[in-house]
Amino acid sequence: MVPKVVAKGAAQCLVETFSARYGIKDWNSLFYIVHPGGPGVLNNPSVFFVLDEMRRRSAKEGKATTGEGLDPGVLFGFGPGVTIETIVLRSFATD
C-alpha cells in the first residue's frame, strides 16, 4: 500500500510543480535525485553524495549538463507519515 501512496503523491508533486508552474509534462525530460529518508540513509548516501556522483559521471561521459545532460531536475525526499518534499533543481554545463 505504501508504494502506491508514494507513487501517487510523487506524480501529484510533479504535476503541481512542473506542469502547473513550468509547463513541463514529459517526466523523462527531468533528472531525478531521490532521498528515501531515515537515519541510515542520512548517515551514508545522502543526496549530496548522489548529486556529486551525478555531476562527476556527467562530466566524465561528456554530457551537456551536470544533470545527466538534462535540465531541470527534481529532488524527492520521503519522510515519516508518507510525506514528500519536492525541490526543483537546475543543472549546469559540464564544460
PDB file of N, CA and C in Angstrom:
ATOM      1  N   MET A   1       0.805  -1.187   0.000  1.00  0.00           N
ATOM      2  CA  MET A   1       0.000   0.000   0.000  1.00  0.00           C
ATOM      3  C   MET A   1       0.861   1.270   0.000  1.00  0.00           C
ATOM      4  N   VAL A   2       1.910   1.289   0.801  1.00  0.00           N
ATOM      5  CA  VAL A   2       2.757   2.487   0.877  1.00  0.00           C
ATOM      6  C   VAL A   2       3.368   2.836  -0.482  1.00  0.00           C
ATOM      7  N   PRO A   3       3.904   1.866  -1.251  1.00  0.00           N
ATOM      8  CA  PRO A   3       4.452   2.241  -2.557  1.00  0.00           C
ATOM      9  C   PRO A   3       3.432   2.917  -3.476  1.00  0.00           C
ATOM     10  N   LYS A   4       2.185   2.470  -3.435  1.00  0.00           N
ATOM     11  CA  LYS A   4       1.150   3.097  -4.268  1.00  0.00           C
ATOM     12  C   LYS A   4       0.868   4.529  -3.818  1.00  0.00           C
ATOM     13  N   VAL A   5       0.822   4.732  -2.506  1.00  0.00           N
ATOM     14  CA  VAL A   5       0.578   6.077  -1.973  1.00  0.00           C
ATOM     15  C   VAL A   5       1.726   7.000  -2.352  1.00  0.00           C
ATOM     16  N   VAL A   6       2.955   6.512  -2.230  1.00  0.00           N
ATOM     17  CA  VAL A   6       4.136   7.315  -2.577  1.00  0.00           C
ATOM     18  C   VAL A   6       4.137   7.632  -4.069  1.00  0.00           C
ATOM     19  N   ALA A   7       3.857   6.632  -4.907  1.00  0.00           N
ATOM     20  CA  ALA A   7       3.838   6.859  -6.352  1.00  0.00           C
ATOM     21  C   ALA A   7       2.789   7.892  -6.737  1.00  0.00           C
ATOM     22  N   LYS A   8       1.606   7.786  -6.150  1.00  0.00           N
ATOM     23  CA  LYS A   8       0.540   8.752  -6.450  1.00  0.00           C
ATOM     24  C   LYS A   8       0.936  10.146  -5.966  1.00  0.00           C
ATOM     25  N   GLY A   9       1.512  10.224  -4.778  1.00  0.00           N
ATOM     26  CA  GLY A   9       1.952  11.511  -4.251  1.00  0.00           C
ATOM     27  C   GLY A   9       3.057  12.136  -5.072  1.00  0.00           C
ATOM     28  N   ALA A  10       4.013  11.316  -5.505  1.00  0.00           N
ATOM     29  CA  ALA A  10       5.118  11.830  -6.324  1.00  0.00           C
ATOM     30  C   ALA A  10       4.594  12.343  -7.659  1.00  0.00           C
ATOM     31  N   ALA A  11       3.673  11.605  -8.254  1.00  0.00           N
ATOM     32  CA  ALA A  11       3.089  12.046  -9.526  1.00  0.00           C
ATOM     33  C   ALA A  11       2.355  13.370  -9.345  1.00  0.00           C
ATOM     34  N   GLN A  12       1.622  13.504  -8.261  1.00  0.00           N
ATOM     35  CA  GLN A  12       0.907  14.750  -7.974  1.00  0.00           C
ATOM     36  C   GLN A  12       1.892  15.902  -7.781  1.00  0.00           C
ATOM     37  N   CYS A  13       2.996  15.653  -7.098  1.00  0.00           N
ATOM     38  CA  CYS A  13       4.026  16.694  -6.901  1.00  0.00           C
ATOM     39  C   CYS A  13       4.612  17.128  -8.234  1.00  0.00           C
ATOM     40  N   LEU A  14       4.858  16.170  -9.133  1.00  0.00           N
ATOM     41  CA  LEU A  14       5.392  16.511 -10.453  1.00  0.00           C
ATOM     42  C   LEU A  14       4.419  17.402 -11.216  1.00  0.00           C
ATOM     43  N   VAL A  15       3.143  17.035 -11.198  1.00  0.00           N
ATOM     44  CA  VAL A  15       2.134  17.827 -11.905  1.00  0.00           C
ATOM     45  C   VAL A  15       2.055  19.231 -11.313  1.00  0.00           C
ATOM     46  N   GLU A  16       1.945  19.314  -9.994  1.00  0.00           N
ATOM     47  CA  GLU A  16       1.815  20.618  -9.350  1.00  0.00           C
ATOM     48  C   GLU A  16       3.056  21.484  -9.518  1.00  0.00           C
ATOM     49  N   THR A  17       4.224  20.864  -9.482  1.00  0.00           N
ATOM     50  CA  THR A  17       5.470  21.633  -9.552  1.00  0.00           C
ATOM     51  C   THR A  17       5.870  21.948 -10.980  1.00  0.00           C
ATOM     52  N   PHE A  18       5.929  20.944 -11.842  1.00  0.00           N
ATOM     53  CA  PHE A  18       6.483  21.151 -13.178  1.00  0.00           C
ATOM     54  C   PHE A  18       5.441  21.484 -14.235  1.00  0.00           C
ATOM     55  N   SER A  19       4.331  20.790 -14.226  1.00  0.00           N
ATOM     56  CA  SER A  19       3.306  21.042 -15.241  1.00  0.00           C
ATOM     57  C   SER A  19       2.627  22.380 -14.998  1.00  0.00           C
ATOM     58  N   ALA A  20       2.157  22.594 -13.778  1.00  0.00           N
ATOM     59  CA  ALA A  20       1.422  23.818 -13.468  1.00  0.00           C
ATOM     60  C   ALA A  20       2.306  25.062 -13.507  1.00  0.00           C
ATOM     61  N   ARG A  21       3.524  24.965 -13.005  1.00  0.00           N
ATOM     62  CA  ARG A  21       4.380  26.157 -12.894  1.00  0.00           C
ATOM     63  C   ARG A  21       5.285  26.385 -14.099  1.00  0.00           C
ATOM     64  N   TYR A  22       5.766  25.288 -14.710  1.00  0.00           N
ATOM     65  CA  TYR A  22       6.758  25.435 -15.779  1.00  0.00           C
ATOM     66  C   TYR A  22       6.290  24.901 -17.131  1.00  0.00           C
ATOM     67  N   GLY A  23       5.105  24.297 -17.165  1.00  0.00           N
ATOM     68  CA  GLY A  23       4.589  23.761 -18.422  1.00  0.00           C
ATOM     69  C   GLY A  23       5.277  22.480 -18.875  1.00  0.00           C
ATOM     70  N   ILE A  24       6.058  21.847 -18.003  1.00  0.00           N
ATOM     71  CA  ILE A  24       6.759  20.605 -18.343  1.00  0.00           C
ATOM     72  C   ILE A  24       5.848  19.422 -18.027  1.00  0.00           C
ATOM     73  N   LYS A  25       5.597  18.588 -19.034  1.00  0.00           N
ATOM     74  CA  LYS A  25       4.731  17.425 -18.851  1.00  0.00           C
ATOM     75  C   LYS A  25       5.436  16.117 -19.167  1.00  0.00           C
ATOM     76  N   ASP A  26       6.629  16.188 -19.731  1.00  0.00           N
ATOM     77  CA  ASP A  26       7.406  14.994 -20.053  1.00  0.00           C
ATOM     78  C   ASP A  26       8.352  14.705 -18.899  1.00  0.00           C
ATOM     79  N   TRP A  27       7.969  13.770 -18.028  1.00  0.00           N
ATOM     80  CA  TRP A  27       8.769  13.474 -16.834  1.00  0.00           C
ATOM     81  C   TRP A  27      10.114  12.854 -17.190  1.00  0.00           C
ATOM     82  N   ASN A  28      10.248  12.331 -18.411  1.00  0.00           N
ATOM     83  CA  ASN A  28      11.528  11.775 -18.848  1.00  0.00           C
ATOM     84  C   ASN A  28      12.521  12.869 -19.229  1.00  0.00           C
ATOM     85  N   SER A  29      12.067  14.127 -19.269  1.00  0.00           N
ATOM     86  CA  SER A  29      12.982  15.223 -19.596  1.00  0.00           C
ATOM     87  C   SER A  29      13.643  15.790 -18.340  1.00  0.00           C
ATOM     88  N   LEU A  30      13.343  15.202 -17.180  1.00  0.00           N
ATOM     89  CA  LEU A  30      13.907  15.643 -15.905  1.00  0.00           C
ATOM     90  C   LEU A  30      14.962  14.659 -15.421  1.00  0.00           C
ATOM     91  N   PHE A  31      15.936  15.143 -14.659  1.00  0.00           N
ATOM     92  CA  PHE A  31      16.794  14.214 -13.931  1.00  0.00           C
ATOM     93  C   PHE A  31      16.265  14.138 -12.510  1.00  0.00           C
ATOM     94  N   TYR A  32      16.513  13.015 -11.856  1.00  0.00           N
ATOM     95  CA  TYR A  32      15.929  12.754 -10.545  1.00  0.00           C
ATOM     96  C   TYR A  32      16.990  12.458  -9.495  1.00  0.00           C
ATOM     97  N   ILE A  33      16.815  13.020  -8.325  1.00  0.00           N
ATOM     98  CA  ILE A  33      17.560  12.669  -7.127  1.00  0.00           C
ATOM     99  C   ILE A  33      16.492  12.293  -6.108  1.00  0.00           C
ATOM    100  N   VAL A  34      16.551  11.067  -5.601  1.00  0.00           N
ATOM    101  CA  VAL A  34      15.515  10.600  -4.685  1.00  0.00           C
ATOM    102  C   VAL A  34      16.150  10.233  -3.356  1.00  0.00           C
ATOM    103  N   HIS A  35      15.622  10.804  -2.290  1.00  0.00           N
ATOM    104  CA  HIS A  35      16.108  10.537  -0.942  1.00  0.00           C
ATOM    105  C   HIS A  35      14.996   9.860  -0.160  1.00  0.00           C
ATOM    106  N   PRO A  36      15.159   8.568   0.167  1.00  0.00           N
ATOM    107  CA  PRO A  36      14.077   7.843   0.827  1.00  0.00           C
ATOM    108  C   PRO A  36      13.921   8.159   2.309  1.00  0.00           C
ATOM    109  N   GLY A  37      14.795   8.928   2.900  1.00  0.00           N
ATOM    110  CA  GLY A  37      14.673   9.297   4.309  1.00  0.00           C
ATOM    111  C   GLY A  37      15.240   8.265   5.246  1.00  0.00           C
ATOM    112  N   GLY A  38      15.163   8.560   6.516  1.00  0.00           N
ATOM    113  CA  GLY A  38      15.659   7.650   7.545  1.00  0.00           C
ATOM    114  C   GLY A  38      17.085   7.940   7.934  1.00  0.00           C
ATOM    115  N   PRO A  39      17.445   7.688   9.213  1.00  0.00           N
ATOM    116  CA  PRO A  39      18.790   7.988   9.696  1.00  0.00           C
ATOM    117  C   PRO A  39      19.875   7.177   8.998  1.00  0.00           C
ATOM    118  N   GLY A  40      19.585   5.935   8.628  1.00  0.00           N
ATOM    119  CA  GLY A  40      20.594   5.125   7.940  1.00  0.00           C
ATOM    120  C   GLY A  40      21.010   5.738   6.619  1.00  0.00           C
ATOM    121  N   VAL A  41      20.047   6.278   5.901  1.00  0.00           N
ATOM    122  CA  VAL A  41      20.346   6.919   4.623  1.00  0.00           C
ATOM    123  C   VAL A  41      21.045   8.251   4.851  1.00  0.00           C
ATOM    124  N   LEU A  42      20.576   9.014   5.817  1.00  0.00           N
ATOM    125  CA  LEU A  42      21.193  10.315   6.091  1.00  0.00           C
ATOM    126  C   LEU A  42      22.657  10.177   6.493  1.00  0.00           C
ATOM    127  N   ASN A  43      22.988   9.121   7.190  1.00  0.00           N
ATOM    128  CA  ASN A  43      24.359   8.926   7.658  1.00  0.00           C
ATOM    129  C   ASN A  43      25.271   8.331   6.591  1.00  0.00           C
ATOM    130  N   ASN A  44      24.737   7.855   5.493  1.00  0.00           N
ATOM    131  CA  ASN A  44      25.551   7.218   4.454  1.00  0.00           C
ATOM    132  C   ASN A  44      25.382   7.900   3.098  1.00  0.00           C
ATOM    133  N   PRO A  45      24.441   7.420   2.237  1.00  0.00           N
ATOM    134  CA  PRO A  45      24.360   8.024   0.878  1.00  0.00           C
ATOM    135  C   PRO A  45      23.380   9.180   0.800  1.00  0.00           C
ATOM    136  N   SER A  46      23.682  10.307   1.431  1.00  0.00           N
ATOM    137  CA  SER A  46      22.761  11.442   1.376  1.00  0.00           C
ATOM    138  C   SER A  46      22.705  11.996  -0.043  1.00  0.00           C
ATOM    139  N   VAL A  47      21.746  12.878  -0.282  1.00  0.00           N
ATOM    140  CA  VAL A  47      21.568  13.424  -1.624  1.00  0.00           C
ATOM    141  C   VAL A  47      22.788  14.204  -2.093  1.00  0.00           C
ATOM    142  N   PHE A  48      23.582  14.730  -1.168  1.00  0.00           N
ATOM    143  CA  PHE A  48      24.781  15.458  -1.583  1.00  0.00           C
ATOM    144  C   PHE A  48      25.779  14.528  -2.268  1.00  0.00           C
ATOM    145  N   PHE A  49      25.899  13.301  -1.770  1.00  0.00           N
ATOM    146  CA  PHE A  49      26.770  12.322  -2.417  1.00  0.00           C
ATOM    147  C   PHE A  49      26.209  11.921  -3.780  1.00  0.00           C
ATOM    148  N   VAL A  50      24.905  11.765  -3.860  1.00  0.00           N
ATOM    149  CA  VAL A  50      24.261  11.400  -5.125  1.00  0.00           C
ATOM    150  C   VAL A  50      24.441  12.525  -6.143  1.00  0.00           C
ATOM    151  N   LEU A  51      24.218  13.766  -5.724  1.00  0.00           N
ATOM    152  CA  LEU A  51      24.410  14.902  -6.626  1.00  0.00           C
ATOM    153  C   LEU A  51      25.853  15.001  -7.112  1.00  0.00           C
ATOM    154  N   ASP A  52      26.807  14.798  -6.208  1.00  0.00           N
ATOM    155  CA  ASP A  52      28.216  14.862  -6.579  1.00  0.00           C
ATOM    156  C   ASP A  52      28.578  13.746  -7.555  1.00  0.00           C
ATOM    157  N   GLU A  53      28.073  12.552  -7.315  1.00  0.00           N
ATOM    158  CA  GLU A  53      28.346  11.434  -8.225  1.00  0.00           C
ATOM    159  C   GLU A  53      27.735  11.693  -9.594  1.00  0.00           C
ATOM    160  N   MET A  54      26.520  12.219  -9.635  1.00  0.00           N
ATOM    161  CA  MET A  54      25.889  12.532 -10.919  1.00  0.00           C
ATOM    162  C   MET A  54      26.703  13.586 -11.666  1.00  0.00           C
ATOM    163  N   ARG A  55      27.184  14.593 -10.953  1.00  0.00           N
ATOM    164  CA  ARG A  55      27.997  15.648 -11.567  1.00  0.00           C
ATOM    165  C   ARG A  55      29.270  15.080 -12.166  1.00  0.00           C
ATOM    166  N   ARG A  56      29.979  14.241 -11.378  1.00  0.00           N
ATOM    167  CA  ARG A  56      31.237  13.653 -11.863  1.00  0.00           C
ATOM    168  C   ARG A  56      31.010  12.727 -13.058  1.00  0.00           C
ATOM    169  N   ARG A  57      30.000  11.890 -12.974  1.00  0.00           N
ATOM    170  CA  ARG A  57      29.725  10.952 -14.053  1.00  0.00           C
ATOM    171  C   ARG A  57      29.294  11.683 -15.318  1.00  0.00           C
ATOM    172  N   SER A  58      28.492  12.738 -15.176  1.00  0.00           N
ATOM    173  CA  SER A  58      28.051  13.518 -16.333  1.00  0.00           C
ATOM    174  C   SER A  58      29.239  14.143 -17.045  1.00  0.00           C
ATOM    175  N   ALA A  59      30.181  14.694 -16.285  1.00  0.00           N
ATOM    176  CA  ALA A  59      31.381  15.300 -16.878  1.00  0.00           C
ATOM    177  C   ALA A  59      32.238  14.238 -17.553  1.00  0.00           C
ATOM    178  N   LYS A  60      32.431  13.098 -16.893  1.00  0.00           N
ATOM    179  CA  LYS A  60      33.251  12.013 -17.445  1.00  0.00           C
ATOM    180  C   LYS A  60      32.667  11.485 -18.746  1.00  0.00           C
ATOM    181  N   GLU A  61      31.344  11.399 -18.822  1.00  0.00           N
ATOM    182  CA  GLU A  61      30.684  10.877 -20.018  1.00  0.00           C
ATOM    183  C   GLU A  61      30.450  11.952 -21.081  1.00  0.00           C
ATOM    184  N   GLY A  62      30.890  13.189 -20.805  1.00  0.00           N
ATOM    185  CA  GLY A  62      30.751  14.275 -21.768  1.00  0.00           C
ATOM    186  C   GLY A  62      29.323  14.758 -21.960  1.00  0.00           C
ATOM    187  N   LYS A  63      28.495  14.597 -20.942  1.00  0.00           N
ATOM    188  CA  LYS A  63      27.110  15.071 -21.020  1.00  0.00           C
ATOM    189  C   LYS A  63      27.095  16.592 -21.060  1.00  0.00           C
ATOM    190  N   ALA A  64      26.045  17.160 -21.622  1.00  0.00           N
ATOM    191  CA  ALA A  64      25.949  18.616 -21.769  1.00  0.00           C
ATOM    192  C   ALA A  64      25.781  19.330 -20.435  1.00  0.00           C
ATOM    193  N   THR A  65      25.136  18.657 -19.456  1.00  0.00           N
ATOM    194  CA  THR A  65      24.915  19.283 -18.159  1.00  0.00           C
ATOM    195  C   THR A  65      25.301  18.319 -17.049  1.00  0.00           C
ATOM    196  N   THR A  66      25.402  18.872 -15.843  1.00  0.00           N
ATOM    197  CA  THR A  66      25.728  18.056 -14.672  1.00  0.00           C
ATOM    198  C   THR A  66      24.563  17.169 -14.250  1.00  0.00           C
ATOM    199  N   GLY A  67      23.401  17.340 -14.836  1.00  0.00           N
ATOM    200  CA  GLY A  67      22.219  16.538 -14.532  1.00  0.00           C
ATOM    201  C   GLY A  67      21.987  15.452 -15.560  1.00  0.00           C
ATOM    202  N   GLU A  68      23.040  14.700 -15.878  1.00  0.00           N
ATOM    203  CA  GLU A  68      22.981  13.623 -16.874  1.00  0.00           C
ATOM    204  C   GLU A  68      22.552  14.149 -18.238  1.00  0.00           C
ATOM    205  N   GLY A  69      22.944  15.396 -18.533  1.00  0.00           N
ATOM    206  CA  GLY A  69      22.607  16.012 -19.806  1.00  0.00           C
ATOM    207  C   GLY A  69      21.236  16.670 -19.817  1.00  0.00           C
ATOM    208  N   LEU A  70      20.518  16.594 -18.709  1.00  0.00           N
ATOM    209  CA  LEU A  70      19.168  17.145 -18.631  1.00  0.00           C
ATOM    210  C   LEU A  70      19.123  18.377 -17.739  1.00  0.00           C
ATOM    211  N   ASP A  71      18.099  19.191 -17.942  1.00  0.00           N
ATOM    212  CA  ASP A  71      17.837  20.352 -17.106  1.00  0.00           C
ATOM    213  C   ASP A  71      16.394  20.745 -17.352  1.00  0.00           C
ATOM    214  N   PRO A  72      15.584  20.923 -16.383  1.00  0.00           N
ATOM    215  CA  PRO A  72      15.797  20.884 -14.945  1.00  0.00           C
ATOM    216  C   PRO A  72      15.688  19.473 -14.391  1.00  0.00           C
ATOM    217  N   GLY A  73      15.677  19.395 -13.058  1.00  0.00           N
ATOM    218  CA  GLY A  73      15.534  18.122 -12.375  1.00  0.00           C
ATOM    219  C   GLY A  73      14.703  18.278 -11.129  1.00  0.00           C
ATOM    220  N   VAL A  74      14.503  17.164 -10.450  1.00  0.00           N
ATOM    221  CA  VAL A  74      13.687  17.175  -9.244  1.00  0.00           C
ATOM    222  C   VAL A  74      14.376  16.349  -8.175  1.00  0.00           C
ATOM    223  N   LEU A  75      14.300  16.828  -6.949  1.00  0.00           N
ATOM    224  CA  LEU A  75      14.767  16.082  -5.794  1.00  0.00           C
ATOM    225  C   LEU A  75      13.533  15.737  -4.968  1.00  0.00           C
ATOM    226  N   PHE A  76      13.355  14.445  -4.722  1.00  0.00           N
ATOM    227  CA  PHE A  76      12.267  13.986  -3.862  1.00  0.00           C
ATOM    228  C   PHE A  76      12.864  13.500  -2.558  1.00  0.00           C
ATOM    229  N   GLY A  77      12.264  13.894  -1.461  1.00  0.00           N
ATOM    230  CA  GLY A  77      12.615  13.370  -0.149  1.00  0.00           C
ATOM    231  C   GLY A  77      11.365  12.801   0.491  1.00  0.00           C
ATOM    232  N   PHE A  78      11.451  11.574   0.972  1.00  0.00           N
ATOM    233  CA  PHE A  78      10.308  10.917   1.588  1.00  0.00           C
ATOM    234  C   PHE A  78      10.566  10.780   3.073  1.00  0.00           C
ATOM    235  N   GLY A  79       9.554  11.076   3.869  1.00  0.00           N
ATOM    236  CA  GLY A  79       9.740  11.049   5.306  1.00  0.00           C
ATOM    237  C   GLY A  79       8.600  10.369   6.030  1.00  0.00           C
ATOM    238  N   PRO A  80       8.598  10.509   7.349  1.00  0.00           N
ATOM    239  CA  PRO A  80       7.586   9.857   8.180  1.00  0.00           C
ATOM    240  C   PRO A  80       6.173  10.298   7.810  1.00  0.00           C
ATOM    241  N   GLY A  81       5.253   9.371   7.979  1.00  0.00           N
ATOM    242  CA  GLY A  81       3.865   9.678   7.661  1.00  0.00           C
ATOM    243  C   GLY A  81       3.621   9.798   6.179  1.00  0.00           C
ATOM    244  N   VAL A  82       4.507   9.238   5.382  1.00  0.00           N
ATOM    245  CA  VAL A  82       4.455   9.291   3.925  1.00  0.00           C
ATOM    246  C   VAL A  82       4.401  10.743   3.437  1.00  0.00           C
ATOM    247  N   THR A  83       5.292  11.552   3.955  1.00  0.00           N
ATOM    248  CA  THR A  83       5.426  12.931   3.485  1.00  0.00           C
ATOM    249  C   THR A  83       6.394  12.975   2.313  1.00  0.00           C
ATOM    250  N   ILE A  84       6.179  13.922   1.417  1.00  0.00           N
ATOM    251  CA  ILE A  84       7.039  14.075   0.242  1.00  0.00           C
ATOM    252  C   ILE A  84       7.475  15.528   0.159  1.00  0.00           C
ATOM    253  N   GLU A  85       8.783  15.737   0.089  1.00  0.00           N
ATOM    254  CA  GLU A  85       9.350  17.066  -0.137  1.00  0.00           C
ATOM    255  C   GLU A  85       9.805  17.101  -1.588  1.00  0.00           C
ATOM    256  N   THR A  86       9.527  18.183  -2.282  1.00  0.00           N
ATOM    257  CA  THR A  86       9.913  18.321  -3.688  1.00  0.00           C
ATOM    258  C   THR A  86      10.739  19.579  -3.845  1.00  0.00           C
ATOM    259  N   ILE A  87      11.895  19.445  -4.478  1.00  0.00           N
ATOM    260  CA  ILE A  87      12.770  20.584  -4.734  1.00  0.00           C
ATOM    261  C   ILE A  87      13.100  20.596  -6.217  1.00  0.00           C
ATOM    262  N   VAL A  88      12.925  21.737  -6.869  1.00  0.00           N
ATOM    263  CA  VAL A  88      13.290  21.887  -8.263  1.00  0.00           C
ATOM    264  C   VAL A  88      14.782  22.149  -8.353  1.00  0.00           C
ATOM    265  N   LEU A  89      15.471  21.409  -9.217  1.00  0.00           N
ATOM    266  CA  LEU A  89      16.911  21.556  -9.388  1.00  0.00           C
ATOM    267  C   LEU A  89      17.214  22.064 -10.799  1.00  0.00           C
ATOM    268  N   ARG A  90      18.300  22.784 -10.925  1.00  0.00           N
ATOM    269  CA  ARG A  90      18.815  23.208 -12.231  1.00  0.00           C
ATOM    270  C   ARG A  90      20.238  22.699 -12.338  1.00  0.00           C
ATOM    271  N   SER A  91      20.611  22.197 -13.496  1.00  0.00           N
ATOM    272  CA  SER A  91      21.969  21.710 -13.676  1.00  0.00           C
ATOM    273  C   SER A  91      22.770  22.737 -14.470  1.00  0.00           C
ATOM    274  N   PHE A  92      24.082  22.587 -14.405  1.00  0.00           N
ATOM    275  CA  PHE A  92      24.992  23.495 -15.079  1.00  0.00           C
ATOM    276  C   PHE A  92      25.684  22.782 -16.221  1.00  0.00           C
ATOM    277  N   ALA A  93      26.262  23.548 -17.127  1.00  0.00           N
ATOM    278  CA  ALA A  93      27.046  22.966 -18.203  1.00  0.00           C
ATOM    279  C   ALA A  93      28.266  22.284 -17.606  1.00  0.00           C
ATOM    280  N   THR A  94      28.661  21.134 -18.158  1.00  0.00           N
ATOM    281  CA  THR A  94      29.787  20.385 -17.608  1.00  0.00           C
ATOM    282  C   THR A  94      31.136  20.950 -18.043  1.00  0.00           C
ATOM    283  N   ASP A  95      31.182  21.717 -19.108  1.00  0.00           N
ATOM    284  CA  ASP A  95      32.426  22.292 -19.654  1.00  0.00           C
ATOM    285  C   ASP A  95      33.520  21.279 -19.644  1.00  0.00           C
TER     286      ASP A  95
END
